[in-house]
Protein backbone atom coordinates (compact mmCIF):
# COMPACT_ATOMS: atom_id res chain seq x y z
CA MET A 1 0.00 0.00 0.00
CA ILE A 2 2.82 2.40 0.79
CA LEU A 3 4.41 1.40 -2.49
CA ALA A 4 1.19 2.25 -4.37
CA LEU A 5 1.13 5.66 -2.69
CA ILE A 6 4.76 6.39 -3.65
CA ILE A 7 4.13 5.32 -7.25
CA ALA A 8 1.01 7.51 -7.44
CA GLN A 9 2.97 10.54 -6.20
CA ALA A 10 5.92 9.93 -8.49
CA SER A 11 3.99 9.50 -11.71
CA PRO A 12 3.08 12.73 -13.46
CA ALA A 13 -0.56 13.50 -13.72
CA ALA A 14 -2.08 13.31 -17.12
CA PRO A 15 -2.54 16.82 -18.59
CA ALA A 16 -6.06 18.05 -18.59
CA ALA A 17 -7.67 17.96 -21.96
CA SER A 18 -8.05 21.44 -23.44
CA PRO A 19 -11.27 22.15 -25.20
CA SER A 20 -11.13 22.12 -28.94
CA PRO A 21 -11.58 25.45 -30.71
CA ALA A 22 -14.99 24.31 -31.90
CA ALA A 23 -16.06 23.92 -28.29
CA ILE A 24 -15.41 27.59 -27.44
CA VAL A 25 -18.44 29.65 -28.27
CA ALA A 26 -17.98 33.41 -28.33
CA PRO A 27 -21.03 35.43 -27.42
CA SER A 28 -22.57 37.26 -30.32
CA PRO A 29 -22.08 41.03 -30.09
CA THR A 30 -25.10 42.89 -28.83
CA PRO A 31 -25.73 46.15 -30.65
CA VAL A 32 -25.32 49.14 -28.35
CA PRO A 33 -27.50 52.10 -29.16
CA SER A 34 -25.35 55.05 -30.09
CA ALA A 35 -25.81 58.13 -27.97
CA THR A 36 -27.16 61.10 -29.85
CA LEU A 37 -25.49 64.23 -28.58
CA SER A 38 -27.71 67.23 -28.41
CA PRO A 39 -26.34 70.69 -27.80
CA ALA A 40 -26.42 71.88 -24.22
CA PRO A 41 -29.21 74.34 -23.52
CA VAL A 42 -28.05 77.91 -23.77
CA ALA A 43 -29.16 80.29 -21.07
CA THR A 44 -31.02 83.29 -22.36
CA PRO A 45 -29.23 86.42 -21.22
CA ILE A 46 -31.25 88.74 -19.03
CA ALA A 47 -32.18 92.00 -20.74
CA PHE A 48 -31.67 94.94 -18.40
CA THR A 49 -33.76 97.71 -19.92
CA TYR A 50 -33.53 100.21 -17.06
CA VAL A 51 -29.92 101.21 -16.40
CA VAL A 52 -28.83 104.04 -14.11
CA ASP A 53 -25.24 105.35 -13.98
CA PRO A 54 -24.95 107.39 -10.78
CA PRO A 55 -22.09 109.87 -10.45
CA LEU A 56 -18.96 108.38 -8.89
CA PRO A 57 -17.35 110.04 -5.88
CA ALA A 58 -13.90 111.59 -6.32
CA ALA A 59 -12.44 109.04 -3.89
CA GLY A 60 -13.62 105.99 -2.02
CA PRO A 61 -16.14 103.31 -2.89
CA GLY A 62 -18.68 103.94 -5.60
CA ILE A 63 -21.65 102.43 -7.39
CA ARG A 64 -20.99 102.61 -11.13
CA GLU A 65 -24.24 101.15 -12.46
CA VAL A 66 -27.59 99.82 -11.29
CA ALA A 67 -29.45 97.75 -13.89
CA VAL A 68 -32.99 96.38 -13.52
CA THR A 69 -34.92 94.26 -15.99
CA GLN A 70 -37.60 96.95 -16.24
CA GLN A 71 -38.43 100.26 -14.61
CA THR A 72 -42.05 99.08 -14.34
CA LEU A 73 -42.29 95.90 -12.29
CA HIS A 74 -45.38 93.68 -12.23
CA ALA A 75 -46.75 92.22 -9.00
CA GLY A 76 -46.19 88.46 -9.21
CA GLY A 77 -43.73 88.90 -12.10
CA PRO A 78 -40.00 88.23 -12.41
CA TRP A 79 -37.28 90.79 -11.73
CA ALA A 80 -33.49 90.86 -11.92
CA LEU A 81 -31.04 93.40 -10.58
CA ARG A 82 -27.33 93.86 -11.33
CA VAL A 83 -25.10 96.36 -9.53
CA THR A 84 -21.60 97.24 -10.70
CA THR A 85 -19.31 98.91 -8.17
CA THR A 86 -15.72 100.00 -7.74
CA PRO A 87 -13.44 97.02 -6.97
CA ASP A 88 -13.10 97.91 -3.26
CA VAL A 89 -16.79 97.17 -2.58
CA THR A 90 -17.16 93.73 -0.99
CA GLY A 91 -20.93 93.61 -0.47
CA VAL A 92 -24.10 95.18 -1.83
CA ALA A 93 -27.48 95.36 -0.12
CA VAL A 94 -30.80 96.71 -1.32
CA ASP A 95 -33.75 98.25 0.52
CA ALA A 96 -36.88 97.90 -1.58
CA TYR A 97 -40.53 98.13 -0.56
CA GLY A 98 -39.50 97.88 3.10
CA VAL A 99 -37.50 94.71 2.45
CA HIS A 100 -33.72 94.52 2.96
CA PHE A 101 -31.71 91.91 1.06
CA ALA A 102 -28.13 91.27 -0.04
CA LEU A 103 -27.00 90.71 -3.61
CA PHE A 104 -24.68 87.86 -4.56
CA PRO A 105 -21.18 88.60 -5.85
CA VAL A 106 -20.83 87.58 -9.50
CA GLY A 107 -17.48 86.76 -11.09
CA PRO A 108 -14.06 86.86 -9.49
CA ILE A 109 -13.47 88.57 -6.15
CA GLY A 110 -12.93 92.27 -6.70
CA SER A 111 -14.83 92.34 -9.99
CA GLY A 112 -17.38 94.70 -8.44
CA VAL A 113 -20.42 92.93 -9.91
CA PHE A 114 -23.34 91.83 -7.72
CA ALA A 115 -26.73 90.46 -8.75
CA ALA A 116 -30.02 88.97 -7.61
CA MET A 117 -33.25 87.86 -9.21
CA GLY A 118 -36.65 86.71 -8.05
CA THR A 119 -40.37 87.29 -8.22
CA VAL A 120 -42.13 90.46 -7.10
CA PRO A 121 -44.62 89.48 -4.40
CA ASP A 122 -48.31 89.94 -5.11
CA ALA A 123 -49.41 93.24 -3.65
CA PRO A 124 -52.76 94.61 -2.52
CA ALA A 125 -54.35 97.20 -4.78
CA GLN A 126 -53.37 100.14 -2.55
CA TYR A 127 -49.67 99.42 -3.27
CA LEU A 128 -50.06 99.24 -7.04
CA ASP A 129 -49.65 102.02 -9.58
CA ARG A 130 -47.09 103.75 -7.41
CA THR A 131 -43.44 104.65 -7.79
CA TYR A 132 -41.02 103.40 -5.14
CA ALA A 133 -37.41 104.29 -4.34
CA ILE A 134 -34.95 101.40 -4.22
CA THR A 135 -31.84 102.21 -2.19
CA VAL A 136 -28.62 100.42 -3.12
CA VAL A 137 -25.77 100.37 -0.59
CA GLY A 138 -22.26 99.14 -1.38
CA THR A 139 -19.94 98.44 1.57
CA THR A 140 -16.18 97.94 1.67
CA ALA A 141 -14.33 95.52 3.97
CA ASP A 142 -13.42 98.41 6.31
CA GLY A 143 -17.03 99.68 6.53
CA ARG A 144 -17.01 102.59 4.09
CA ARG A 145 -20.23 102.93 2.10
CA ALA A 146 -21.55 104.14 -1.22
CA THR A 147 -25.28 104.74 -1.63
CA THR A 148 -27.58 105.52 -4.53
CA SER A 149 -31.30 105.26 -5.24
CA ILE A 150 -33.36 104.41 -8.27
CA SER A 151 -37.12 104.61 -8.84
CA VAL A 152 -39.33 101.79 -10.06
CA ARG A 153 -43.06 101.60 -10.60
CA LEU A 154 -45.18 98.71 -9.32
CA VAL A 155 -48.24 97.67 -11.34
CA ARG A 156 -50.53 94.65 -11.58
């Protein structure tokens, strides 16, 4: 028995039979639908039709331009506002209709461009067909300020 075990270990194992080429079946290619590339949607630029260029101070921070989509705003309608300042202005806030809000910086730091957009709230009839002052305040990092106002009309 020990001799049979030694003989079994010493004799090389028979090589495993490799499958014949006919036995290998390659899967048939499945057609892949080609992706149709469509152009990316292009954002429609906002048309600012009411643009005010206030006078710049001789020194210090200044507001160069205030642009609004329209001078006549519609209750429940869209609005957009862009303010361009001197590069030292780090923040811009607006007081409009008793509401105070900050504009977002647009572009690289120091570009002096700030913007916001939204929807004019619905207003009761007694607030319509009136002209309102919108106050724009630009502030520098050290607290200096530049202020200007524009007028807009609110209608239905």
